[in-house]
């Protein structure tokens, strides 16, 4: 397809040494689309919870230009 779009967005956070990564990916050319959550624990196999497109509410794309409003408190919590 001419001018086909694609994208990959994710939002990650860690709690109790477990990393959670919410993802949204698409490719217009191959008509692929996926959403879900990847759960990662060091030394163990990742768990992928695939979402259902019809059940999706909102979009991670909306966060693209919001980095000036989103604060990363990670450095504050290290001390």
PDB file of N, CA and C in Angstrom:
ATOM      1  N   UNK A   1       0.841  -1.185   0.000  1.00  0.00           N
ATOM      2  CA  UNK A   1       0.000   0.000   0.000  1.00  0.00           C
ATOM      3  C   UNK A   1       0.880   1.240   0.000  1.00  0.00           C
ATOM      4  N   UNK A   2       0.493   2.191  -0.780  1.00  0.00           N
ATOM      5  CA  UNK A   2       1.236   3.439  -0.825  1.00  0.00           C
ATOM      6  C   UNK A   2       0.883   4.283   0.401  1.00  0.00           C
ATOM      7  N   UNK A   3       1.883   4.894   1.009  1.00  0.00           N
ATOM      8  CA  UNK A   3       1.709   5.727   2.205  1.00  0.00           C
ATOM      9  C   UNK A   3       1.145   4.959   3.398  1.00  0.00           C
ATOM     10  N   UNK A   4       1.454   3.678   3.483  1.00  0.00           N
ATOM     11  CA  UNK A   4       0.972   2.871   4.607  1.00  0.00           C
ATOM     12  C   UNK A   4       1.626   3.346   5.897  1.00  0.00           C
ATOM     13  N   UNK A   5       0.858   3.346   6.960  1.00  0.00           N
ATOM     14  CA  UNK A   5       1.368   3.781   8.253  1.00  0.00           C
ATOM     15  C   UNK A   5       1.651   2.608   9.167  1.00  0.00           C
ATOM     16  N   UNK A   6       2.482   2.863  10.155  1.00  0.00           N
ATOM     17  CA  UNK A   6       2.756   1.864  11.173  1.00  0.00           C
ATOM     18  C   UNK A   6       3.124   2.596  12.452  1.00  0.00           C
ATOM     19  N   UNK A   7       3.006   1.918  13.556  1.00  0.00           N
ATOM     20  CA  UNK A   7       3.364   2.549  14.815  1.00  0.00           C
ATOM     21  C   UNK A   7       3.524   1.536  15.920  1.00  0.00           C
ATOM     22  N   UNK A   8       4.235   1.956  16.930  1.00  0.00           N
ATOM     23  CA  UNK A   8       4.465   1.119  18.101  1.00  0.00           C
ATOM     24  C   UNK A   8       4.580   2.041  19.308  1.00  0.00           C
ATOM     25  N   UNK A   9       3.645   1.927  20.214  1.00  0.00           N
ATOM     26  CA  UNK A   9       3.642   2.736  21.430  1.00  0.00           C
ATOM     27  C   UNK A   9       3.614   1.817  22.638  1.00  0.00           C
ATOM     28  N   UNK A  10       4.260   2.251  23.703  1.00  0.00           N
ATOM     29  CA  UNK A  10       4.203   1.471  24.939  1.00  0.00           C
ATOM     30  C   UNK A  10       4.332   2.398  26.138  1.00  0.00           C
ATOM     31  N   UNK A  11       3.830   1.924  27.238  1.00  0.00           N
ATOM     32  CA  UNK A  11       3.901   2.631  28.509  1.00  0.00           C
ATOM     33  C   UNK A  11       4.296   1.588  29.540  1.00  0.00           C
ATOM     34  N   UNK A  12       5.416   1.807  30.228  1.00  0.00           N
ATOM     35  CA  UNK A  12       5.935   0.796  31.152  1.00  0.00           C
ATOM     36  C   UNK A  12       6.071   1.347  32.561  1.00  0.00           C
ATOM     37  N   UNK A  13       5.938   0.450  33.525  1.00  0.00           N
ATOM     38  CA  UNK A  13       6.192   0.798  34.919  1.00  0.00           C
ATOM     39  C   UNK A  13       6.624  -0.467  35.651  1.00  0.00           C
ATOM     40  N   UNK A  14       7.289  -0.274  36.775  1.00  0.00           N
ATOM     41  CA  UNK A  14       7.788  -1.399  37.565  1.00  0.00           C
ATOM     42  C   UNK A  14       7.229  -1.312  38.973  1.00  0.00           C
ATOM     43  N   UNK A  15       6.808  -2.450  39.492  1.00  0.00           N
ATOM     44  CA  UNK A  15       6.333  -2.531  40.869  1.00  0.00           C
ATOM     45  C   UNK A  15       6.780  -3.874  41.436  1.00  0.00           C
ATOM     46  N   UNK A  16       7.419  -3.834  42.596  1.00  0.00           N
ATOM     47  CA  UNK A  16       7.921  -5.046  43.256  1.00  0.00           C
ATOM     48  C   UNK A  16       8.773  -5.896  42.319  1.00  0.00           C
ATOM     49  N   UNK A  17       9.695  -5.259  41.596  1.00  0.00           N
ATOM     50  CA  UNK A  17      10.624  -5.930  40.680  1.00  0.00           C
ATOM     51  C   UNK A  17       9.938  -6.637  39.514  1.00  0.00           C
ATOM     52  N   UNK A  18       8.711  -6.270  39.229  1.00  0.00           N
ATOM     53  CA  UNK A  18       7.988  -6.798  38.070  1.00  0.00           C
ATOM     54  C   UNK A  18       7.727  -5.622  37.136  1.00  0.00           C
ATOM     55  N   UNK A  19       8.120  -5.758  35.865  1.00  0.00           N
ATOM     56  CA  UNK A  19       7.886  -4.694  34.893  1.00  0.00           C
ATOM     57  C   UNK A  19       6.634  -5.009  34.084  1.00  0.00           C
ATOM     58  N   UNK A  20       5.781  -4.016  33.972  1.00  0.00           N
ATOM     59  CA  UNK A  20       4.554  -4.113  33.187  1.00  0.00           C
ATOM     60  C   UNK A  20       4.689  -3.149  32.014  1.00  0.00           C
ATOM     61  N   UNK A  21       4.460  -3.635  30.816  1.00  0.00           N
ATOM     62  CA  UNK A  21       4.556  -2.794  29.626  1.00  0.00           C
ATOM     63  C   UNK A  21       3.267  -2.940  28.818  1.00  0.00           C
ATOM     64  N   UNK A  22       2.514  -1.859  28.751  1.00  0.00           N
ATOM     65  CA  UNK A  22       1.276  -1.833  27.977  1.00  0.00           C
ATOM     66  C   UNK A  22       1.662  -1.421  26.561  1.00  0.00           C
ATOM     67  N   UNK A  23       1.200  -2.154  25.561  1.00  0.00           N
ATOM     68  CA  UNK A  23       1.630  -1.854  24.193  1.00  0.00           C
ATOM     69  C   UNK A  23       0.461  -1.747  23.222  1.00  0.00           C
ATOM     70  N   UNK A  24       0.723  -1.006  22.148  1.00  0.00           N
ATOM     71  CA  UNK A  24      -0.215  -0.847  21.039  1.00  0.00           C
ATOM     72  C   UNK A  24       0.634  -0.746  19.776  1.00  0.00           C
ATOM     73  N   UNK A  25       0.439  -1.657  18.836  1.00  0.00           N
ATOM     74  CA  UNK A  25       1.240  -1.691  17.613  1.00  0.00           C
ATOM     75  C   UNK A  25       0.331  -1.929  16.413  1.00  0.00           C
ATOM     76  N   UNK A  26       0.694  -1.330  15.283  1.00  0.00           N
ATOM     77  CA  UNK A  26      -0.081  -1.562  14.068  1.00  0.00           C
ATOM     78  C   UNK A  26       0.785  -1.366  12.841  1.00  0.00           C
ATOM     79  N   UNK A  27       0.334  -1.989  11.751  1.00  0.00           N
ATOM     80  CA  UNK A  27       0.983  -1.865  10.453  1.00  0.00           C
ATOM     81  C   UNK A  27      -0.125  -1.888   9.407  1.00  0.00           C
ATOM     82  N   UNK A  28      -0.357  -0.746   8.777  1.00  0.00           N
ATOM     83  CA  UNK A  28      -1.435  -0.656   7.789  1.00  0.00           C
ATOM     84  C   UNK A  28      -1.182  -1.532   6.566  1.00  0.00           C
ATOM     85  N   UNK A  29       0.089  -1.685   6.197  1.00  0.00           N
ATOM     86  CA  UNK A  29       0.409  -2.464   5.001  1.00  0.00           C
ATOM     87  C   UNK A  29       0.010  -3.929   5.164  1.00  0.00           C
ATOM     88  N   UNK A  30       0.346  -4.510   6.301  1.00  0.00           N
ATOM     89  CA  UNK A  30       0.011  -5.920   6.537  1.00  0.00           C
ATOM     90  C   UNK A  30      -1.313  -6.077   7.284  1.00  0.00           C
ATOM     91  N   UNK A  31      -1.933  -4.950   7.628  1.00  0.00           N
ATOM     92  CA  UNK A  31      -3.205  -4.921   8.355  1.00  0.00           C
ATOM     93  C   UNK A  31      -3.121  -5.635   9.704  1.00  0.00           C
ATOM     94  N   UNK A  32      -1.940  -5.570  10.323  1.00  0.00           N
ATOM     95  CA  UNK A  32      -1.759  -6.156  11.650  1.00  0.00           C
ATOM     96  C   UNK A  32      -2.036  -5.102  12.712  1.00  0.00           C
ATOM     97  N   UNK A  33      -2.605  -5.537  13.831  1.00  0.00           N
ATOM     98  CA  UNK A  33      -2.894  -4.646  14.946  1.00  0.00           C
ATOM     99  C   UNK A  33      -2.838  -5.472  16.221  1.00  0.00           C
ATOM    100  N   UNK A  34      -2.144  -4.971  17.226  1.00  0.00           N
ATOM    101  CA  UNK A  34      -2.101  -5.712  18.484  1.00  0.00           C
ATOM    102  C   UNK A  34      -2.023  -4.746  19.658  1.00  0.00           C
ATOM    103  N   UNK A  35      -2.667  -5.148  20.733  1.00  0.00           N
ATOM    104  CA  UNK A  35      -2.625  -4.424  21.997  1.00  0.00           C
ATOM    105  C   UNK A  35      -2.468  -5.457  23.097  1.00  0.00           C
ATOM    106  N   UNK A  36      -1.958  -5.021  24.231  1.00  0.00           N
ATOM    107  CA  UNK A  36      -1.843  -5.944  25.343  1.00  0.00           C
ATOM    108  C   UNK A  36      -0.875  -5.463  26.399  1.00  0.00           C
ATOM    109  N   UNK A  37      -0.487  -6.403  27.248  1.00  0.00           N
ATOM    110  CA  UNK A  37       0.425  -6.126  28.355  1.00  0.00           C
ATOM    111  C   UNK A  37       1.484  -7.222  28.383  1.00  0.00           C
ATOM    112  N   UNK A  38       2.741  -6.813  28.520  1.00  0.00           N
ATOM    113  CA  UNK A  38       3.838  -7.762  28.717  1.00  0.00           C
ATOM    114  C   UNK A  38       4.269  -7.641  30.172  1.00  0.00           C
ATOM    115  N   UNK A  39       4.333  -8.771  30.865  1.00  0.00           N
ATOM    116  CA  UNK A  39       4.758  -8.803  32.263  1.00  0.00           C
ATOM    117  C   UNK A  39       6.115  -9.491  32.307  1.00  0.00           C
ATOM    118  N   UNK A  40       7.111  -8.781  32.859  1.00  0.00           N
ATOM    119  CA  UNK A  40       8.486  -9.291  32.861  1.00  0.00           C
ATOM    120  C   UNK A  40       9.032  -9.372  34.280  1.00  0.00           C
ATOM    121  N   UNK A  41       9.598 -10.526  34.594  1.00  0.00           N
ATOM    122  CA  UNK A  41      10.305 -10.733  35.852  1.00  0.00           C
ATOM    123  C   UNK A  41      11.690 -11.233  35.477  1.00  0.00           C
ATOM    124  N   UNK A  42      12.719 -10.591  36.019  1.00  0.00           N
ATOM    125  CA  UNK A  42      14.085 -10.959  35.666  1.00  0.00           C
ATOM    126  C   UNK A  42      14.332 -12.445  35.916  1.00  0.00           C
ATOM    127  N   UNK A  43      14.917 -13.103  34.921  1.00  0.00           N
ATOM    128  CA  UNK A  43      15.243 -14.515  35.042  1.00  0.00           C
ATOM    129  C   UNK A  43      14.091 -15.455  34.725  1.00  0.00           C
ATOM    130  N   UNK A  44      12.942 -14.912  34.358  1.00  0.00           N
ATOM    131  CA  UNK A  44      11.783 -15.746  34.039  1.00  0.00           C
ATOM    132  C   UNK A  44      11.263 -15.393  32.654  1.00  0.00           C
ATOM    133  N   UNK A  45      10.467 -16.272  32.098  1.00  0.00           N
ATOM    134  CA  UNK A  45       9.884 -16.051  30.780  1.00  0.00           C
ATOM    135  C   UNK A  45       8.823 -14.947  30.855  1.00  0.00           C
ATOM    136  N   UNK A  46       8.815 -14.065  29.855  1.00  0.00           N
ATOM    137  CA  UNK A  46       7.816 -12.996  29.811  1.00  0.00           C
ATOM    138  C   UNK A  46       6.420 -13.572  29.602  1.00  0.00           C
ATOM    139  N   UNK A  47       5.449 -12.928  30.209  1.00  0.00           N
ATOM    140  CA  UNK A  47       4.050 -13.287  30.011  1.00  0.00           C
ATOM    141  C   UNK A  47       3.432 -12.191  29.154  1.00  0.00           C
ATOM    142  N   UNK A  48       2.765 -12.573  28.071  1.00  0.00           N
ATOM    143  CA  UNK A  48       2.112 -11.609  27.194  1.00  0.00           C
ATOM    144  C   UNK A  48       0.605 -11.820  27.290  1.00  0.00           C
ATOM    145  N   UNK A  49      -0.085 -10.776  27.708  1.00  0.00           N
ATOM    146  CA  UNK A  49      -1.545 -10.800  27.761  1.00  0.00           C
ATOM    147  C   UNK A  49      -2.042 -10.008  26.556  1.00  0.00           C
ATOM    148  N   UNK A  50      -2.495 -10.714  25.530  1.00  0.00           N
ATOM    149  CA  UNK A  50      -2.965 -10.049  24.316  1.00  0.00           C
ATOM    150  C   UNK A  50      -4.362  -9.496  24.530  1.00  0.00           C
ATOM    151  N   UNK A  51      -4.545  -8.246  24.115  1.00  0.00           N
ATOM    152  CA  UNK A  51      -5.844  -7.606  24.236  1.00  0.00           C
ATOM    153  C   UNK A  51      -6.718  -7.898  23.026  1.00  0.00           C
ATOM    154  N   UNK A  52      -7.965  -7.531  23.137  1.00  0.00           N
ATOM    155  CA  UNK A  52      -8.931  -7.694  22.054  1.00  0.00           C
ATOM    156  C   UNK A  52      -9.246  -6.302  21.519  1.00  0.00           C
ATOM    157  N   UNK A  53      -8.992  -6.088  20.234  1.00  0.00           N
ATOM    158  CA  UNK A  53      -9.145  -4.756  19.636  1.00  0.00           C
ATOM    159  C   UNK A  53     -10.528  -4.165  19.903  1.00  0.00           C
ATOM    160  N   UNK A  54     -11.565  -4.970  19.808  1.00  0.00           N
ATOM    161  CA  UNK A  54     -12.929  -4.468  20.006  1.00  0.00           C
ATOM    162  C   UNK A  54     -13.164  -3.974  21.434  1.00  0.00           C
ATOM    163  N   UNK A  55     -12.365  -4.460  22.383  1.00  0.00           N
ATOM    164  CA  UNK A  55     -12.555  -4.054  23.780  1.00  0.00           C
ATOM    165  C   UNK A  55     -11.693  -2.851  24.163  1.00  0.00           C
ATOM    166  N   UNK A  56     -10.862  -2.384  23.243  1.00  0.00           N
ATOM    167  CA  UNK A  56      -9.955  -1.273  23.532  1.00  0.00           C
ATOM    168  C   UNK A  56     -10.732   0.015  23.779  1.00  0.00           C
ATOM    169  N   UNK A  57     -10.326   0.730  24.826  1.00  0.00           N
ATOM    170  CA  UNK A  57     -10.869   2.057  25.112  1.00  0.00           C
ATOM    171  C   UNK A  57      -9.700   3.021  25.161  1.00  0.00           C
ATOM    172  N   UNK A  58      -9.731   4.061  24.361  1.00  0.00           N
ATOM    173  CA  UNK A  58      -8.634   5.017  24.322  1.00  0.00           C
ATOM    174  C   UNK A  58      -7.490   4.505  23.470  1.00  0.00           C
ATOM    175  N   UNK A  59      -6.384   5.238  23.517  1.00  0.00           N
ATOM    176  CA  UNK A  59      -5.238   4.889  22.693  1.00  0.00           C
ATOM    177  C   UNK A  59      -3.965   5.463  23.300  1.00  0.00           C
ATOM    178  N   UNK A  60      -2.876   4.724  23.212  1.00  0.00           N
ATOM    179  CA  UNK A  60      -1.586   5.237  23.674  1.00  0.00           C
ATOM    180  C   UNK A  60      -1.080   6.355  22.771  1.00  0.00           C
ATOM    181  N   UNK A  61      -1.619   6.450  21.574  1.00  0.00           N
ATOM    182  CA  UNK A  61      -1.233   7.525  20.657  1.00  0.00           C
ATOM    183  C   UNK A  61      -1.517   8.886  21.290  1.00  0.00           C
ATOM    184  N   UNK A  62      -2.538   8.952  22.113  1.00  0.00           N
ATOM    185  CA  UNK A  62      -2.905  10.217  22.747  1.00  0.00           C
ATOM    186  C   UNK A  62      -1.807  10.745  23.667  1.00  0.00           C
ATOM    187  N   UNK A  63      -0.894   9.886  24.106  1.00  0.00           N
ATOM    188  CA  UNK A  63       0.191  10.309  24.990  1.00  0.00           C
ATOM    189  C   UNK A  63       1.383  10.887  24.231  1.00  0.00           C
ATOM    190  N   UNK A  64       1.369  10.788  22.918  1.00  0.00           N
ATOM    191  CA  UNK A  64       2.527  11.167  22.112  1.00  0.00           C
ATOM    192  C   UNK A  64       3.029  12.577  22.407  1.00  0.00           C
ATOM    193  N   UNK A  65       2.165  13.537  22.515  1.00  0.00           N
ATOM    194  CA  UNK A  65       2.590  14.918  22.742  1.00  0.00           C
ATOM    195  C   UNK A  65       2.378  15.381  24.181  1.00  0.00           C
ATOM    196  N   UNK A  66       2.154  14.450  25.088  1.00  0.00           N
ATOM    197  CA  UNK A  66       1.841  14.809  26.469  1.00  0.00           C
ATOM    198  C   UNK A  66       3.033  14.706  27.415  1.00  0.00           C
ATOM    199  N   UNK A  67       4.240  14.448  26.900  1.00  0.00           N
ATOM    200  CA  UNK A  67       5.387  14.254  27.784  1.00  0.00           C
ATOM    201  C   UNK A  67       5.684  15.473  28.648  1.00  0.00           C
ATOM    202  N   UNK A  68       5.248  16.649  28.235  1.00  0.00           N
ATOM    203  CA  UNK A  68       5.471  17.830  29.068  1.00  0.00           C
ATOM    204  C   UNK A  68       4.567  17.827  30.300  1.00  0.00           C
ATOM    205  N   UNK A  69       3.501  17.019  30.276  1.00  0.00           N
ATOM    206  CA  UNK A  69       2.576  16.937  31.404  1.00  0.00           C
ATOM    207  C   UNK A  69       2.796  15.710  32.283  1.00  0.00           C
ATOM    208  N   UNK A  70       3.506  14.718  31.760  1.00  0.00           N
ATOM    209  CA  UNK A  70       3.729  13.470  32.488  1.00  0.00           C
ATOM    210  C   UNK A  70       5.074  13.549  33.186  1.00  0.00           C
ATOM    211  N   UNK A  71       5.076  13.346  34.489  1.00  0.00           N
ATOM    212  CA  UNK A  71       6.312  13.426  35.247  1.00  0.00           C
ATOM    213  C   UNK A  71       6.810  12.032  35.591  1.00  0.00           C
ATOM    214  N   UNK A  72       8.107  11.879  35.526  1.00  0.00           N
ATOM    215  CA  UNK A  72       8.743  10.638  35.915  1.00  0.00           C
ATOM    216  C   UNK A  72       9.278  10.831  37.328  1.00  0.00           C
ATOM    217  N   UNK A  73       8.661  10.184  38.298  1.00  0.00           N
ATOM    218  CA  UNK A  73       9.066  10.322  39.696  1.00  0.00           C
ATOM    219  C   UNK A  73      10.112   9.297  40.104  1.00  0.00           C
ATOM    220  N   UNK A  74      10.667   8.566  39.137  1.00  0.00           N
ATOM    221  CA  UNK A  74      11.624   7.512  39.448  1.00  0.00           C
ATOM    222  C   UNK A  74      12.813   8.046  40.236  1.00  0.00           C
ATOM    223  N   UNK A  75      13.419   9.146  39.785  1.00  0.00           N
ATOM    224  CA  UNK A  75      14.594   9.684  40.463  1.00  0.00           C
ATOM    225  C   UNK A  75      14.273  10.113  41.889  1.00  0.00           C
ATOM    226  N   UNK A  76      13.078  10.628  42.123  1.00  0.00           N
ATOM    227  CA  UNK A  76      12.682  11.059  43.463  1.00  0.00           C
ATOM    228  C   UNK A  76      12.605   9.879  44.431  1.00  0.00           C
ATOM    229  N   UNK A  77      12.233   8.707  43.916  1.00  0.00           N
ATOM    230  CA  UNK A  77      12.036   7.537  44.772  1.00  0.00           C
ATOM    231  C   UNK A  77      13.318   6.763  45.044  1.00  0.00           C
ATOM    232  N   UNK A  78      14.411   7.116  44.378  1.00  0.00           N
ATOM    233  CA  UNK A  78      15.675   6.403  44.580  1.00  0.00           C
ATOM    234  C   UNK A  78      16.302   6.772  45.917  1.00  0.00           C
ATOM    235  N   UNK A  79      16.161   8.007  46.316  1.00  0.00           N
ATOM    236  CA  UNK A  79      16.822   8.502  47.533  1.00  0.00           C
ATOM    237  C   UNK A  79      16.351   7.829  48.789  1.00  0.00           C
TER     238      UNK A  79
END
